[in-house]
Amino acid sequence: GLTLVGCWAHGRRKYVDALEENRTLVTQAIHYIGRLYKVESDAG
């Protein structure tokens, strides 16, 4: 079965806040979080 856990929105927000510090790395992290959103959507 599946276990419901907290959403990624809170963690993602920290990356968005850090965009100015390292745009390349943060953009990649946000992209990966987007992929997780897609997996969750497809599974749901």
N, C-alpha and C. Protein backbone atom coordinates (compact mmCIF):
# COMPACT_ATOMS: atom_id res chain seq x y z
N GLY A 1 0.81 -1.19 0.00
CA GLY A 1 0.00 0.00 0.00
C GLY A 1 0.85 1.25 0.00
N LEU A 2 0.16 2.33 -0.08
CA LEU A 2 0.79 3.64 -0.09
C LEU A 2 0.67 4.29 1.27
N THR A 3 1.65 5.08 1.62
CA THR A 3 1.61 5.84 2.86
C THR A 3 1.55 7.32 2.52
N LEU A 4 0.55 8.01 3.03
CA LEU A 4 0.41 9.44 2.79
C LEU A 4 1.39 10.19 3.67
N VAL A 5 2.15 11.07 3.06
CA VAL A 5 3.11 11.88 3.81
C VAL A 5 2.89 13.35 3.47
N GLY A 6 3.65 14.23 4.09
CA GLY A 6 3.51 15.66 3.85
C GLY A 6 3.78 16.04 2.40
N CYS A 7 3.30 17.19 2.03
CA CYS A 7 3.47 17.65 0.65
C CYS A 7 4.86 18.26 0.44
N TRP A 8 5.24 18.37 -0.81
CA TRP A 8 6.54 18.94 -1.17
C TRP A 8 6.51 20.46 -1.23
N ALA A 9 5.33 21.06 -1.13
CA ALA A 9 5.22 22.51 -1.30
C ALA A 9 6.10 23.26 -0.30
N HIS A 10 6.16 22.80 0.93
CA HIS A 10 6.96 23.50 1.94
C HIS A 10 8.45 23.39 1.62
N GLY A 11 8.90 22.22 1.24
CA GLY A 11 10.30 22.05 0.87
C GLY A 11 10.66 22.79 -0.41
N ARG A 12 9.76 22.74 -1.39
CA ARG A 12 9.99 23.42 -2.67
C ARG A 12 10.13 24.92 -2.46
N ARG A 13 9.35 25.47 -1.56
CA ARG A 13 9.39 26.91 -1.29
C ARG A 13 10.80 27.36 -0.87
N LYS A 14 11.49 26.53 -0.11
CA LYS A 14 12.86 26.87 0.31
C LYS A 14 13.79 26.97 -0.89
N TYR A 15 13.59 26.09 -1.86
CA TYR A 15 14.40 26.16 -3.08
C TYR A 15 14.09 27.42 -3.87
N VAL A 16 12.82 27.75 -3.99
CA VAL A 16 12.43 28.97 -4.71
C VAL A 16 13.07 30.18 -4.03
N ASP A 17 13.08 30.19 -2.72
CA ASP A 17 13.70 31.30 -1.98
C ASP A 17 15.20 31.40 -2.25
N ALA A 18 15.83 30.28 -2.59
CA ALA A 18 17.28 30.24 -2.81
C ALA A 18 17.68 30.45 -4.27
N LEU A 19 16.74 30.75 -5.14
CA LEU A 19 17.05 30.87 -6.57
C LEU A 19 18.18 31.85 -6.86
N GLU A 20 18.23 32.96 -6.18
CA GLU A 20 19.26 33.96 -6.45
C GLU A 20 20.65 33.48 -6.04
N GLU A 21 20.73 32.56 -5.10
CA GLU A 21 22.02 32.09 -4.61
C GLU A 21 22.72 31.13 -5.57
N ASN A 22 21.96 30.25 -6.21
CA ASN A 22 22.54 29.28 -7.14
C ASN A 22 21.46 28.84 -8.12
N ARG A 23 21.21 29.69 -9.10
CA ARG A 23 20.09 29.47 -10.02
C ARG A 23 20.16 28.10 -10.71
N THR A 24 21.33 27.69 -11.15
CA THR A 24 21.46 26.43 -11.88
C THR A 24 21.08 25.23 -11.01
N LEU A 25 21.66 25.15 -9.83
CA LEU A 25 21.40 24.02 -8.94
C LEU A 25 19.95 24.02 -8.45
N VAL A 26 19.46 25.19 -8.08
CA VAL A 26 18.09 25.29 -7.56
C VAL A 26 17.07 24.96 -8.65
N THR A 27 17.32 25.42 -9.86
CA THR A 27 16.42 25.10 -10.97
C THR A 27 16.35 23.60 -11.19
N GLN A 28 17.48 22.93 -11.09
CA GLN A 28 17.50 21.47 -11.23
C GLN A 28 16.70 20.81 -10.11
N ALA A 29 16.87 21.28 -8.89
CA ALA A 29 16.13 20.71 -7.75
C ALA A 29 14.63 20.90 -7.94
N ILE A 30 14.22 22.08 -8.38
CA ILE A 30 12.80 22.35 -8.60
C ILE A 30 12.26 21.45 -9.71
N HIS A 31 13.07 21.22 -10.71
CA HIS A 31 12.67 20.30 -11.80
C HIS A 31 12.42 18.89 -11.24
N TYR A 32 13.31 18.41 -10.39
CA TYR A 32 13.13 17.07 -9.81
C TYR A 32 11.88 17.01 -8.94
N ILE A 33 11.62 18.05 -8.19
CA ILE A 33 10.40 18.09 -7.38
C ILE A 33 9.17 18.05 -8.30
N GLY A 34 9.24 18.75 -9.42
CA GLY A 34 8.15 18.69 -10.40
C GLY A 34 7.93 17.28 -10.91
N ARG A 35 9.00 16.55 -11.11
CA ARG A 35 8.87 15.15 -11.55
C ARG A 35 8.18 14.31 -10.48
N LEU A 36 8.49 14.59 -9.21
CA LEU A 36 7.81 13.88 -8.12
C LEU A 36 6.32 14.21 -8.10
N TYR A 37 5.98 15.47 -8.35
CA TYR A 37 4.56 15.86 -8.44
C TYR A 37 3.87 15.05 -9.54
N LYS A 38 4.56 14.87 -10.66
CA LYS A 38 3.99 14.13 -11.80
C LYS A 38 3.77 12.66 -11.43
N VAL A 39 4.74 12.05 -10.77
CA VAL A 39 4.60 10.66 -10.34
C VAL A 39 3.40 10.53 -9.41
N GLU A 40 3.29 11.45 -8.47
CA GLU A 40 2.16 11.42 -7.53
C GLU A 40 0.83 11.58 -8.26
N SER A 41 0.80 12.48 -9.22
CA SER A 41 -0.43 12.71 -9.99
C SER A 41 -0.82 11.47 -10.79
N ASP A 42 0.16 10.85 -11.43
CA ASP A 42 -0.11 9.66 -12.23
C ASP A 42 -0.56 8.48 -11.36
N ALA A 43 -0.05 8.42 -10.13
CA ALA A 43 -0.39 7.31 -9.23
C ALA A 43 -1.75 7.50 -8.57
N GLY A 44 -2.19 8.76 -8.50
CA GLY A 44 -3.34 9.08 -7.70
C GLY A 44 -4.66 8.90 -8.22
